Amino acid sequence: MIKFDIITIFPETVKKYIDTGILKNAVKKELVKINVHDLRKWTKDKHRTVDDTPYGGGPGMIMKVEPIYEAVKELKEKDTVVAITTPKAKVIKQQDLEDFSQKKDMHMIIICGRYEGFDQRVHDYLIDYEFSIGEYILAGGELPALVFIEGVTRLVPGVLGNELSLEEETFVNGETDHPQYTKPESFNDWTVPKALLSGNHQEIKEYRQKHKKMV
């Protein structure tokens, strides 16, 4: 079973998303396990401080190394992958998600960034993998962590109701998916392509292949 431990300062927000849709079903089926932890659990001061001002000056606050170290030390297992979300890292691709989904007994700790980022010692000494979901800035790493986990989880056999849908979806074989239509056949004079209404399987296959795009 694939296991994720998410470390965040907003655990309730993350839990709400996990308790819906694909992730909820995957956990219920015991195909993946997802634990959410409050980073402040591993602080040692009365204010439960997880950030501080940067040495040398500068704007914003930096996430402290000590609570992250303590969290990783407690949660890490023998073959754990420790990951962080950061816009400075490589943007994940579909192939990356597929590779992780095939590691049946994978355990990953994902640490969600906030503020101006992590103390560099987190990057240097505690992390095995860094990833981004795009070349833009968000308020924190919770959304990227959930994107990554859902992207991996939906590829785990048994999670989706229709496994065949994985074979023809966007980004498979370096292509985007073909256009999709459903009822009604005509709306505001916007009509479904005749090839898809023909009932001819070969004609439909050729239409779909023709309208895929390379990525």
N, C-alpha and C. Protein backbone atom coordinates (compact mmCIF):
# COMPACT_ATOMS: atom_id res chain seq x y z
N MET A 1 0.84 -1.20 0.00
CA MET A 1 0.00 0.00 0.00
C MET A 1 0.88 1.25 0.00
N ILE A 2 0.48 2.24 -0.81
CA ILE A 2 1.17 3.53 -0.81
C ILE A 2 0.69 4.35 0.39
N LYS A 3 1.65 4.95 1.09
CA LYS A 3 1.32 5.71 2.29
C LYS A 3 1.89 7.12 2.17
N PHE A 4 1.05 8.12 2.48
CA PHE A 4 1.48 9.51 2.49
C PHE A 4 1.31 10.08 3.90
N ASP A 5 2.31 10.83 4.35
CA ASP A 5 2.19 11.64 5.56
C ASP A 5 2.39 13.09 5.14
N ILE A 6 1.37 13.91 5.36
CA ILE A 6 1.42 15.32 4.99
C ILE A 6 1.66 16.14 6.25
N ILE A 7 2.67 17.00 6.21
CA ILE A 7 2.97 17.90 7.32
C ILE A 7 2.63 19.31 6.90
N THR A 8 1.76 19.97 7.66
CA THR A 8 1.24 21.28 7.29
C THR A 8 0.90 22.07 8.55
N ILE A 9 0.74 23.37 8.42
CA ILE A 9 0.24 24.17 9.55
C ILE A 9 -1.26 24.41 9.42
N PHE A 10 -1.88 23.83 8.37
CA PHE A 10 -3.33 23.92 8.19
C PHE A 10 -3.92 22.52 7.98
N PRO A 11 -3.80 21.64 8.98
CA PRO A 11 -4.23 20.26 8.80
C PRO A 11 -5.72 20.09 8.50
N GLU A 12 -6.57 20.91 9.11
CA GLU A 12 -8.01 20.74 8.91
C GLU A 12 -8.41 21.03 7.47
N THR A 13 -7.76 22.03 6.85
CA THR A 13 -8.04 22.35 5.45
C THR A 13 -7.69 21.18 4.55
N VAL A 14 -6.55 20.56 4.80
CA VAL A 14 -6.11 19.43 3.99
C VAL A 14 -7.02 18.22 4.19
N LYS A 15 -7.40 17.97 5.44
CA LYS A 15 -8.26 16.82 5.75
C LYS A 15 -9.60 16.91 5.03
N LYS A 16 -10.14 18.11 4.90
CA LYS A 16 -11.43 18.28 4.24
C LYS A 16 -11.37 17.83 2.79
N TYR A 17 -10.28 18.13 2.12
CA TYR A 17 -10.17 17.72 0.72
C TYR A 17 -9.98 16.21 0.61
N ILE A 18 -9.18 15.64 1.49
CA ILE A 18 -8.93 14.20 1.46
C ILE A 18 -10.20 13.42 1.70
N ASP A 19 -11.13 14.02 2.42
CA ASP A 19 -12.38 13.33 2.75
C ASP A 19 -13.43 13.50 1.67
N THR A 20 -13.01 13.68 0.43
CA THR A 20 -13.94 13.81 -0.70
C THR A 20 -13.42 13.01 -1.89
N GLY A 21 -14.31 12.64 -2.77
CA GLY A 21 -13.98 12.12 -4.09
C GLY A 21 -13.03 10.93 -4.12
N ILE A 22 -12.09 10.99 -5.07
CA ILE A 22 -11.18 9.89 -5.34
C ILE A 22 -10.35 9.52 -4.11
N LEU A 23 -9.83 10.52 -3.41
CA LEU A 23 -8.97 10.23 -2.26
C LEU A 23 -9.75 9.53 -1.15
N LYS A 24 -10.96 9.99 -0.90
CA LYS A 24 -11.78 9.35 0.13
C LYS A 24 -12.04 7.89 -0.22
N ASN A 25 -12.37 7.62 -1.48
CA ASN A 25 -12.66 6.26 -1.90
C ASN A 25 -11.42 5.37 -1.84
N ALA A 26 -10.27 5.93 -2.22
CA ALA A 26 -9.03 5.16 -2.21
C ALA A 26 -8.64 4.77 -0.78
N VAL A 27 -8.83 5.69 0.14
CA VAL A 27 -8.53 5.41 1.55
C VAL A 27 -9.51 4.37 2.09
N LYS A 28 -10.78 4.53 1.75
CA LYS A 28 -11.80 3.59 2.22
C LYS A 28 -11.54 2.18 1.72
N LYS A 29 -11.06 2.07 0.48
CA LYS A 29 -10.73 0.76 -0.10
C LYS A 29 -9.40 0.22 0.39
N GLU A 30 -8.69 1.01 1.19
CA GLU A 30 -7.37 0.65 1.73
C GLU A 30 -6.35 0.43 0.62
N LEU A 31 -6.47 1.24 -0.45
CA LEU A 31 -5.50 1.20 -1.55
C LEU A 31 -4.38 2.20 -1.31
N VAL A 32 -4.67 3.24 -0.55
CA VAL A 32 -3.65 4.19 -0.09
C VAL A 32 -3.98 4.57 1.35
N LYS A 33 -2.97 5.07 2.04
CA LYS A 33 -3.17 5.58 3.39
C LYS A 33 -2.64 7.00 3.44
N ILE A 34 -3.43 7.92 3.96
CA ILE A 34 -3.03 9.33 4.01
C ILE A 34 -3.22 9.86 5.43
N ASN A 35 -2.12 10.28 6.04
CA ASN A 35 -2.16 10.88 7.37
C ASN A 35 -1.81 12.36 7.25
N VAL A 36 -2.49 13.19 8.02
CA VAL A 36 -2.23 14.63 8.01
C VAL A 36 -1.76 15.04 9.41
N HIS A 37 -0.66 15.79 9.46
CA HIS A 37 -0.05 16.18 10.73
C HIS A 37 0.11 17.70 10.81
N ASP A 38 -0.09 18.22 12.00
CA ASP A 38 0.13 19.64 12.27
C ASP A 38 1.59 19.84 12.65
N LEU A 39 2.32 20.61 11.86
CA LEU A 39 3.74 20.85 12.13
C LEU A 39 3.97 21.41 13.53
N ARG A 40 3.01 22.16 14.03
CA ARG A 40 3.18 22.79 15.34
C ARG A 40 3.28 21.74 16.46
N LYS A 41 2.89 20.51 16.18
CA LYS A 41 3.04 19.43 17.16
C LYS A 41 4.49 19.25 17.57
N TRP A 42 5.41 19.56 16.67
CA TRP A 42 6.83 19.31 16.92
C TRP A 42 7.59 20.57 17.34
N THR A 43 6.88 21.63 17.70
CA THR A 43 7.54 22.82 18.25
C THR A 43 7.71 22.65 19.76
N LYS A 44 8.63 23.43 20.34
CA LYS A 44 8.94 23.26 21.76
C LYS A 44 8.73 24.53 22.58
N ASP A 45 8.29 25.61 21.96
CA ASP A 45 8.05 26.85 22.70
C ASP A 45 6.54 27.03 22.92
N LYS A 46 6.19 27.87 23.85
CA LYS A 46 4.78 28.02 24.21
C LYS A 46 3.93 28.64 23.11
N HIS A 47 4.58 29.34 22.18
CA HIS A 47 3.85 29.96 21.07
C HIS A 47 3.74 29.03 19.85
N ARG A 48 4.35 27.87 19.94
CA ARG A 48 4.32 26.86 18.86
C ARG A 48 4.82 27.48 17.54
N THR A 49 5.98 28.06 17.60
CA THR A 49 6.54 28.84 16.49
C THR A 49 7.13 27.94 15.41
N VAL A 50 6.71 28.17 14.16
CA VAL A 50 7.24 27.38 13.04
C VAL A 50 8.03 28.24 12.05
N ASP A 51 8.12 29.56 12.30
CA ASP A 51 8.81 30.44 11.37
C ASP A 51 9.54 31.53 12.14
N ASP A 52 10.51 32.18 11.47
CA ASP A 52 11.24 33.28 12.09
C ASP A 52 11.83 34.16 11.00
N THR A 53 12.40 35.29 11.41
CA THR A 53 12.96 36.24 10.46
C THR A 53 14.25 35.71 9.85
N PRO A 54 14.57 36.09 8.62
CA PRO A 54 15.78 35.57 7.96
C PRO A 54 17.06 36.25 8.46
N TYR A 55 18.11 35.48 8.64
CA TYR A 55 19.43 36.06 8.91
C TYR A 55 19.84 36.91 7.71
N GLY A 56 20.45 38.07 7.99
CA GLY A 56 20.87 38.97 6.93
C GLY A 56 19.79 39.93 6.49
N GLY A 57 18.60 39.80 7.09
CA GLY A 57 17.52 40.70 6.74
C GLY A 57 16.77 40.27 5.50
N GLY A 58 15.70 40.97 5.24
CA GLY A 58 14.87 40.66 4.07
C GLY A 58 13.42 40.53 4.45
N PRO A 59 12.54 40.53 3.46
CA PRO A 59 11.10 40.49 3.73
C PRO A 59 10.63 39.09 4.12
N GLY A 60 9.52 39.03 4.82
CA GLY A 60 8.87 37.76 5.09
C GLY A 60 9.53 36.93 6.17
N MET A 61 8.98 35.75 6.36
CA MET A 61 9.44 34.83 7.39
C MET A 61 9.87 33.51 6.75
N ILE A 62 10.77 32.80 7.44
CA ILE A 62 11.32 31.55 6.94
C ILE A 62 10.89 30.41 7.85
N MET A 63 10.51 29.27 7.26
CA MET A 63 10.12 28.12 8.06
C MET A 63 11.35 27.52 8.75
N LYS A 64 11.23 27.30 10.05
CA LYS A 64 12.33 26.85 10.87
C LYS A 64 12.69 25.39 10.62
N VAL A 65 13.97 25.06 10.79
CA VAL A 65 14.43 23.71 10.55
C VAL A 65 14.09 22.76 11.69
N GLU A 66 14.09 23.27 12.95
CA GLU A 66 13.95 22.36 14.10
C GLU A 66 12.66 21.55 14.09
N PRO A 67 11.47 22.17 13.98
CA PRO A 67 10.25 21.34 14.01
C PRO A 67 10.15 20.38 12.83
N ILE A 68 10.67 20.79 11.68
CA ILE A 68 10.65 19.90 10.51
C ILE A 68 11.56 18.71 10.74
N TYR A 69 12.72 18.95 11.33
CA TYR A 69 13.63 17.86 11.66
C TYR A 69 12.96 16.86 12.61
N GLU A 70 12.32 17.37 13.65
CA GLU A 70 11.67 16.50 14.63
C GLU A 70 10.53 15.70 14.00
N ALA A 71 9.77 16.33 13.11
CA ALA A 71 8.67 15.65 12.44
C ALA A 71 9.18 14.52 11.55
N VAL A 72 10.20 14.81 10.76
CA VAL A 72 10.76 13.79 9.87
C VAL A 72 11.35 12.65 10.68
N LYS A 73 12.05 12.98 11.76
CA LYS A 73 12.66 11.94 12.60
C LYS A 73 11.61 10.98 13.16
N GLU A 74 10.46 11.52 13.54
CA GLU A 74 9.41 10.68 14.12
C GLU A 74 8.67 9.86 13.06
N LEU A 75 8.44 10.43 11.89
CA LEU A 75 7.59 9.78 10.89
C LEU A 75 8.36 8.92 9.89
N LYS A 76 9.65 9.17 9.75
CA LYS A 76 10.41 8.49 8.71
C LYS A 76 10.58 7.01 8.99
N GLU A 77 10.40 6.20 7.94
CA GLU A 77 10.60 4.76 8.01
C GLU A 77 11.84 4.39 7.19
N LYS A 78 12.07 3.10 7.01
CA LYS A 78 13.30 2.64 6.38
C LYS A 78 13.51 3.19 4.97
N ASP A 79 12.47 3.11 4.13
CA ASP A 79 12.61 3.52 2.72
C ASP A 79 11.76 4.74 2.39
N THR A 80 11.56 5.61 3.35
CA THR A 80 10.71 6.79 3.16
C THR A 80 11.36 7.79 2.19
N VAL A 81 10.53 8.37 1.34
CA VAL A 81 10.92 9.51 0.50
C VAL A 81 10.40 10.77 1.19
N VAL A 82 11.29 11.69 1.53
CA VAL A 82 10.89 12.94 2.17
C VAL A 82 10.86 14.02 1.09
N ALA A 83 9.71 14.65 0.93
CA ALA A 83 9.53 15.61 -0.16
C ALA A 83 9.04 16.95 0.36
N ILE A 84 9.35 18.00 -0.37
CA ILE A 84 8.79 19.32 -0.08
C ILE A 84 8.22 19.93 -1.35
N THR A 85 7.26 20.81 -1.15
CA THR A 85 6.69 21.57 -2.26
C THR A 85 7.40 22.92 -2.32
N THR A 86 7.90 23.26 -3.49
CA THR A 86 8.58 24.55 -3.66
C THR A 86 8.51 24.97 -5.11
N PRO A 87 8.23 26.25 -5.40
CA PRO A 87 8.15 26.70 -6.80
C PRO A 87 9.51 26.69 -7.49
N LYS A 88 10.59 26.51 -6.73
CA LYS A 88 11.93 26.49 -7.32
C LYS A 88 12.29 25.12 -7.91
N ALA A 89 11.47 24.12 -7.62
CA ALA A 89 11.80 22.75 -8.04
C ALA A 89 11.28 22.45 -9.44
N LYS A 90 11.63 21.27 -9.93
CA LYS A 90 11.15 20.78 -11.22
C LYS A 90 9.63 20.61 -11.18
N VAL A 91 8.97 21.01 -12.24
CA VAL A 91 7.53 20.84 -12.35
C VAL A 91 7.21 19.38 -12.64
N ILE A 92 6.31 18.79 -11.84
CA ILE A 92 5.98 17.38 -12.04
C ILE A 92 5.20 17.19 -13.34
N LYS A 93 5.47 16.06 -13.98
CA LYS A 93 4.78 15.67 -15.21
C LYS A 93 4.00 14.38 -14.96
N GLN A 94 3.14 14.04 -15.90
CA GLN A 94 2.35 12.83 -15.77
C GLN A 94 3.23 11.60 -15.58
N GLN A 95 4.35 11.55 -16.28
CA GLN A 95 5.24 10.40 -16.17
C GLN A 95 5.80 10.27 -14.75
N ASP A 96 6.06 11.40 -14.09
CA ASP A 96 6.53 11.35 -12.70
C ASP A 96 5.48 10.70 -11.80
N LEU A 97 4.23 11.08 -12.00
CA LEU A 97 3.15 10.52 -11.19
C LEU A 97 3.00 9.01 -11.46
N GLU A 98 3.13 8.62 -12.71
CA GLU A 98 3.04 7.21 -13.05
C GLU A 98 4.15 6.41 -12.39
N ASP A 99 5.36 6.97 -12.38
CA ASP A 99 6.50 6.28 -11.77
C ASP A 99 6.26 6.05 -10.28
N PHE A 100 5.77 7.07 -9.59
CA PHE A 100 5.51 6.93 -8.16
C PHE A 100 4.36 5.95 -7.89
N SER A 101 3.35 5.95 -8.74
CA SER A 101 2.18 5.09 -8.52
C SER A 101 2.54 3.61 -8.62
N GLN A 102 3.63 3.29 -9.29
CA GLN A 102 4.04 1.91 -9.47
C GLN A 102 4.89 1.37 -8.32
N LYS A 103 5.20 2.25 -7.37
CA LYS A 103 5.96 1.82 -6.19
C LYS A 103 4.97 1.37 -5.12
N LYS A 104 4.67 0.09 -5.10
CA LYS A 104 3.55 -0.45 -4.33
C LYS A 104 3.65 -0.18 -2.83
N ASP A 105 4.84 -0.20 -2.28
CA ASP A 105 5.01 -0.02 -0.84
C ASP A 105 5.67 1.32 -0.51
N MET A 106 5.46 2.29 -1.36
CA MET A 106 6.09 3.60 -1.15
C MET A 106 5.53 4.30 0.08
N HIS A 107 6.41 4.92 0.83
CA HIS A 107 6.02 5.83 1.90
C HIS A 107 6.64 7.18 1.62
N MET A 108 5.80 8.20 1.52
CA MET A 108 6.29 9.56 1.25
C MET A 108 5.79 10.52 2.31
N ILE A 109 6.72 11.30 2.85
CA ILE A 109 6.38 12.43 3.71
C ILE A 109 6.43 13.68 2.84
N ILE A 110 5.35 14.45 2.82
CA ILE A 110 5.34 15.70 2.07
C ILE A 110 5.20 16.86 3.05
N ILE A 111 6.17 17.76 3.02
CA ILE A 111 6.17 18.92 3.91
C ILE A 111 5.69 20.13 3.11
N CYS A 112 4.61 20.74 3.55
CA CYS A 112 4.01 21.86 2.83
C CYS A 112 4.69 23.17 3.24
N GLY A 113 5.23 23.86 2.27
CA GLY A 113 5.89 25.13 2.54
C GLY A 113 4.90 26.26 2.80
N ARG A 114 5.39 27.30 3.44
CA ARG A 114 4.62 28.54 3.70
C ARG A 114 5.60 29.69 3.78
N TYR A 115 5.06 30.89 3.84
CA TYR A 115 5.86 32.11 4.01
C TYR A 115 6.85 32.26 2.85
N GLU A 116 8.12 32.61 3.17
CA GLU A 116 9.12 32.82 2.12
C GLU A 116 9.91 31.55 1.80
N GLY A 117 9.47 30.43 2.36
CA GLY A 117 10.16 29.18 2.07
C GLY A 117 10.81 28.58 3.29
N PHE A 118 11.64 27.55 3.05
CA PHE A 118 12.27 26.79 4.12
C PHE A 118 13.68 27.30 4.43
N ASP A 119 14.10 27.16 5.66
CA ASP A 119 15.50 27.28 6.02
C ASP A 119 16.29 26.35 5.09
N GLN A 120 17.37 26.83 4.52
CA GLN A 120 18.12 26.06 3.52
C GLN A 120 18.58 24.71 4.06
N ARG A 121 18.74 24.59 5.36
CA ARG A 121 19.18 23.31 5.93
C ARG A 121 18.14 22.21 5.77
N VAL A 122 16.88 22.59 5.58
CA VAL A 122 15.85 21.61 5.25
C VAL A 122 16.16 21.00 3.88
N HIS A 123 16.46 21.86 2.91
CA HIS A 123 16.81 21.39 1.57
C HIS A 123 18.08 20.53 1.60
N ASP A 124 19.06 20.98 2.36
CA ASP A 124 20.39 20.36 2.31
C ASP A 124 20.48 19.03 3.03
N TYR A 125 19.72 18.85 4.10
CA TYR A 125 19.94 17.69 4.96
C TYR A 125 18.73 16.78 5.19
N LEU A 126 17.54 17.22 4.88
CA LEU A 126 16.36 16.45 5.25
C LEU A 126 15.55 15.93 4.07
N ILE A 127 15.81 16.41 2.87
CA ILE A 127 14.90 16.19 1.74
C ILE A 127 15.50 15.26 0.70
N ASP A 128 14.63 14.37 0.17
CA ASP A 128 15.02 13.49 -0.93
C ASP A 128 14.46 13.95 -2.27
N TYR A 129 13.34 14.69 -2.22
CA TYR A 129 12.64 15.02 -3.47
C TYR A 129 11.93 16.35 -3.30
N GLU A 130 12.09 17.21 -4.30
CA GLU A 130 11.39 18.50 -4.31
C GLU A 130 10.58 18.60 -5.59
N PHE A 131 9.39 19.17 -5.49
CA PHE A 131 8.58 19.29 -6.70
C PHE A 131 7.74 20.56 -6.68
N SER A 132 7.33 20.95 -7.88
CA SER A 132 6.47 22.11 -8.09
C SER A 132 5.34 21.68 -9.00
N ILE A 133 4.23 22.41 -8.97
CA ILE A 133 3.15 22.13 -9.92
C ILE A 133 3.05 23.19 -11.01
N GLY A 134 3.97 24.15 -10.99
CA GLY A 134 3.94 25.19 -12.03
C GLY A 134 4.83 26.35 -11.68
N GLU A 135 5.13 27.15 -12.69
CA GLU A 135 6.02 28.29 -12.50
C GLU A 135 5.23 29.52 -12.07
N TYR A 136 4.69 29.43 -10.86
CA TYR A 136 3.93 30.53 -10.27
C TYR A 136 3.96 30.35 -8.76
N ILE A 137 3.55 31.38 -8.04
CA ILE A 137 3.64 31.38 -6.58
C ILE A 137 2.26 31.24 -5.95
N LEU A 138 2.15 30.32 -4.99
CA LEU A 138 0.94 30.17 -4.20
C LEU A 138 1.23 30.56 -2.75
N ALA A 139 0.19 30.67 -1.95
CA ALA A 139 0.39 31.04 -0.54
C ALA A 139 1.08 29.94 0.25
N GLY A 140 0.94 28.70 -0.19
CA GLY A 140 1.54 27.59 0.54
C GLY A 140 1.57 26.32 -0.27
N GLY A 141 2.11 25.27 0.33
CA GLY A 141 2.31 24.02 -0.38
C GLY A 141 1.20 23.02 -0.25
N GLU A 142 0.11 23.38 0.41
CA GLU A 142 -0.97 22.43 0.60
C GLU A 142 -1.62 22.00 -0.72
N LEU A 143 -1.91 22.96 -1.58
CA LEU A 143 -2.51 22.60 -2.87
C LEU A 143 -1.57 21.75 -3.72
N PRO A 144 -0.29 22.11 -3.86
CA PRO A 144 0.62 21.23 -4.60
C PRO A 144 0.71 19.83 -4.02
N ALA A 145 0.72 19.71 -2.69
CA ALA A 145 0.77 18.38 -2.07
C ALA A 145 -0.45 17.56 -2.45
N LEU A 146 -1.63 18.17 -2.41
CA LEU A 146 -2.85 17.46 -2.76
C LEU A 146 -2.90 17.11 -4.24
N VAL A 147 -2.39 18.02 -5.07
CA VAL A 147 -2.32 17.73 -6.51
C VAL A 147 -1.45 16.50 -6.75
N PHE A 148 -0.31 16.47 -6.11
CA PHE A 148 0.61 15.34 -6.28
C PHE A 148 -0.03 14.04 -5.80
N ILE A 149 -0.62 14.06 -4.61
CA ILE A 149 -1.19 12.86 -4.03
C ILE A 149 -2.37 12.34 -4.86
N GLU A 150 -3.24 13.25 -5.30
CA GLU A 150 -4.35 12.81 -6.13
C GLU A 150 -3.86 12.29 -7.47
N GLY A 151 -2.86 12.94 -8.04
CA GLY A 151 -2.32 12.50 -9.32
C GLY A 151 -1.74 11.10 -9.26
N VAL A 152 -1.07 10.77 -8.15
CA VAL A 152 -0.52 9.43 -7.96
C VAL A 152 -1.63 8.43 -7.63
N THR A 153 -2.52 8.82 -6.72
CA THR A 153 -3.54 7.90 -6.22
C THR A 153 -4.47 7.41 -7.32
N ARG A 154 -4.89 8.30 -8.23
CA ARG A 154 -5.84 7.89 -9.25
C ARG A 154 -5.25 6.87 -10.23
N LEU A 155 -3.91 6.72 -10.22
CA LEU A 155 -3.25 5.75 -11.08
C LEU A 155 -3.08 4.39 -10.42
N VAL A 156 -3.37 4.32 -9.14
CA VAL A 156 -3.26 3.05 -8.42
C VAL A 156 -4.39 2.12 -8.86
N PRO A 157 -4.08 0.89 -9.27
CA PRO A 157 -5.14 -0.04 -9.72
C PRO A 157 -6.24 -0.20 -8.68
N GLY A 158 -7.49 -0.08 -9.14
CA GLY A 158 -8.63 -0.25 -8.27
C GLY A 158 -9.23 1.04 -7.77
N VAL A 159 -8.53 2.16 -7.95
CA VAL A 159 -9.04 3.44 -7.43
C VAL A 159 -10.15 3.98 -8.31
N LEU A 160 -9.94 4.01 -9.62
CA LEU A 160 -10.96 4.51 -10.53
C LEU A 160 -11.99 3.44 -10.86
N GLY A 161 -13.21 3.86 -11.10
CA GLY A 161 -14.26 2.91 -11.44
C GLY A 161 -14.04 2.26 -12.78
N ASN A 162 -13.47 3.01 -13.74
CA ASN A 162 -13.25 2.50 -15.08
C ASN A 162 -11.77 2.59 -15.41
N GLU A 163 -11.05 1.48 -15.28
CA GLU A 163 -9.60 1.48 -15.50
C GLU A 163 -9.25 1.83 -16.95
N LEU A 164 -10.17 1.56 -17.90
CA LEU A 164 -9.89 1.85 -19.30
C LEU A 164 -9.74 3.34 -19.55
N SER A 165 -10.32 4.17 -18.68
CA SER A 165 -10.24 5.61 -18.88
C SER A 165 -8.81 6.11 -18.78
N LEU A 166 -7.96 5.37 -18.08
CA LEU A 166 -6.55 5.77 -17.95
C LEU A 166 -5.79 5.62 -19.25
N GLU A 167 -6.27 4.71 -20.12
CA GLU A 167 -5.52 4.40 -21.33
C GLU A 167 -5.64 5.47 -22.40
N GLU A 168 -6.72 6.27 -22.36
CA GLU A 168 -6.96 7.23 -23.44
C GLU A 168 -7.06 8.66 -22.94
N GLU A 169 -6.54 8.94 -21.74
CA GLU A 169 -6.71 10.28 -21.21
C GLU A 169 -5.56 11.20 -21.59
N THR A 170 -5.69 12.46 -21.21
CA THR A 170 -4.71 13.47 -21.55
C THR A 170 -3.33 13.11 -21.03
N PHE A 171 -2.29 13.37 -21.88
CA PHE A 171 -0.88 13.19 -21.58
C PHE A 171 -0.39 11.76 -21.72
N VAL A 172 -1.29 10.80 -21.97
CA VAL A 172 -0.85 9.44 -22.20
C VAL A 172 -0.19 9.36 -23.58
N ASN A 173 0.98 8.74 -23.66
CA ASN A 173 1.75 8.61 -24.91
C ASN A 173 2.11 9.96 -25.52
N GLY A 174 2.27 10.98 -24.67
CA GLY A 174 2.68 12.28 -25.17
C GLY A 174 1.62 13.03 -25.94
N GLU A 175 0.34 12.69 -25.71
CA GLU A 175 -0.74 13.33 -26.43
C GLU A 175 -1.79 13.89 -25.47
N THR A 176 -2.49 14.93 -25.91
CA THR A 176 -3.66 15.38 -25.17
C THR A 176 -4.86 14.55 -25.62
N ASP A 177 -5.88 14.52 -24.80
CA ASP A 177 -7.07 13.73 -25.12
C ASP A 177 -7.82 14.35 -26.29
N HIS A 178 -8.59 13.52 -26.98
CA HIS A 178 -9.42 14.00 -28.09
C HIS A 178 -10.64 14.73 -27.53
N PRO A 179 -11.32 15.57 -28.35
CA PRO A 179 -12.54 16.26 -27.88
C PRO A 179 -13.62 15.26 -27.49
N GLN A 180 -14.38 15.61 -26.45
CA GLN A 180 -15.45 14.75 -25.96
C GLN A 180 -16.80 15.46 -26.05
N TYR A 181 -17.85 14.71 -26.35
CA TYR A 181 -19.21 15.27 -26.46
C TYR A 181 -20.19 14.33 -25.76
N THR A 182 -21.32 14.89 -25.34
CA THR A 182 -22.41 14.08 -24.81
C THR A 182 -23.74 14.72 -25.22
N LYS A 183 -24.85 14.17 -24.80
CA LYS A 183 -26.18 14.68 -25.17
C LYS A 183 -26.39 16.09 -24.61
N PRO A 184 -27.12 16.96 -25.34
CA PRO A 184 -27.88 16.69 -26.57
C PRO A 184 -26.99 16.73 -27.81
N GLU A 185 -27.51 16.14 -28.88
CA GLU A 185 -26.76 16.11 -30.14
C GLU A 185 -26.59 17.50 -30.73
N SER A 186 -27.58 18.38 -30.49
CA SER A 186 -27.52 19.76 -30.99
C SER A 186 -27.97 20.71 -29.89
N PHE A 187 -27.21 21.78 -29.69
CA PHE A 187 -27.56 22.80 -28.71
C PHE A 187 -27.14 24.15 -29.26
N ASN A 188 -28.12 25.08 -29.35
CA ASN A 188 -27.85 26.40 -29.93
C ASN A 188 -27.21 26.29 -31.32
N ASP A 189 -27.60 25.27 -32.07
CA ASP A 189 -27.02 24.99 -33.38
C ASP A 189 -25.55 24.57 -33.31
N TRP A 190 -25.07 24.23 -32.12
CA TRP A 190 -23.72 23.67 -31.95
C TRP A 190 -23.88 22.15 -31.96
N THR A 191 -23.34 21.51 -32.97
CA THR A 191 -23.63 20.09 -33.19
C THR A 191 -22.42 19.21 -32.90
N VAL A 192 -22.73 17.97 -32.57
CA VAL A 192 -21.69 16.96 -32.37
C VAL A 192 -21.17 16.51 -33.74
N PRO A 193 -19.86 16.34 -33.91
CA PRO A 193 -19.32 15.87 -35.20
C PRO A 193 -19.99 14.58 -35.68
N LYS A 194 -20.29 14.54 -36.96
CA LYS A 194 -21.02 13.42 -37.53
C LYS A 194 -20.29 12.10 -37.33
N ALA A 195 -18.95 12.13 -37.35
CA ALA A 195 -18.18 10.89 -37.20
C ALA A 195 -18.51 10.18 -35.89
N LEU A 196 -18.76 10.95 -34.83
CA LEU A 196 -19.02 10.37 -33.52
C LEU A 196 -20.44 9.81 -33.42
N LEU A 197 -21.30 10.20 -34.35
CA LEU A 197 -22.68 9.73 -34.35
C LEU A 197 -22.90 8.58 -35.33
N SER A 198 -21.86 8.21 -36.06
CA SER A 198 -22.01 7.26 -37.16
C SER A 198 -22.23 5.82 -36.70
N GLY A 199 -21.74 5.49 -35.50
CA GLY A 199 -21.81 4.10 -35.06
C GLY A 199 -20.71 3.24 -35.66
N ASN A 200 -19.91 3.83 -36.55
CA ASN A 200 -18.81 3.12 -37.19
C ASN A 200 -17.57 3.23 -36.31
N HIS A 201 -17.17 2.13 -35.69
CA HIS A 201 -16.09 2.17 -34.71
C HIS A 201 -14.76 2.62 -35.33
N GLN A 202 -14.49 2.19 -36.56
CA GLN A 202 -13.26 2.58 -37.21
C GLN A 202 -13.25 4.08 -37.51
N GLU A 203 -14.38 4.58 -37.97
CA GLU A 203 -14.49 6.02 -38.26
C GLU A 203 -14.34 6.85 -36.99
N ILE A 204 -14.95 6.38 -35.90
CA ILE A 204 -14.82 7.08 -34.62
C ILE A 204 -13.37 7.07 -34.14
N LYS A 205 -12.71 5.91 -34.26
CA LYS A 205 -11.31 5.79 -33.85
C LYS A 205 -10.43 6.74 -34.64
N GLU A 206 -10.66 6.81 -35.95
CA GLU A 206 -9.85 7.68 -36.81
C GLU A 206 -10.09 9.15 -36.47
N TYR A 207 -11.35 9.52 -36.18
CA TYR A 207 -11.66 10.90 -35.80
C TYR A 207 -10.93 11.27 -34.51
N ARG A 208 -11.01 10.39 -33.52
CA ARG A 208 -10.37 10.70 -32.24
C ARG A 208 -8.86 10.81 -32.36
N GLN A 209 -8.27 9.90 -33.13
CA GLN A 209 -6.81 9.95 -33.29
C GLN A 209 -6.39 11.21 -34.03
N LYS A 210 -7.17 11.60 -35.01
CA LYS A 210 -6.85 12.79 -35.80
C LYS A 210 -6.89 14.04 -34.96
N HIS A 211 -7.75 14.10 -33.96
CA HIS A 211 -7.94 15.32 -33.18
C HIS A 211 -7.17 15.33 -31.85
N LYS A 212 -6.33 14.32 -31.63
CA LYS A 212 -5.41 14.41 -30.50
C LYS A 212 -4.26 15.33 -30.87
N LYS A 213 -3.65 15.92 -29.85
CA LYS A 213 -2.53 16.83 -30.08
C LYS A 213 -1.32 16.34 -29.31
N MET A 214 -0.14 16.49 -29.89
CA MET A 214 1.08 16.13 -29.22
C MET A 214 1.45 17.18 -28.19
N VAL A 215 2.03 16.75 -27.05
CA VAL A 215 2.46 17.70 -26.00
C VAL A 215 3.94 17.56 -25.77
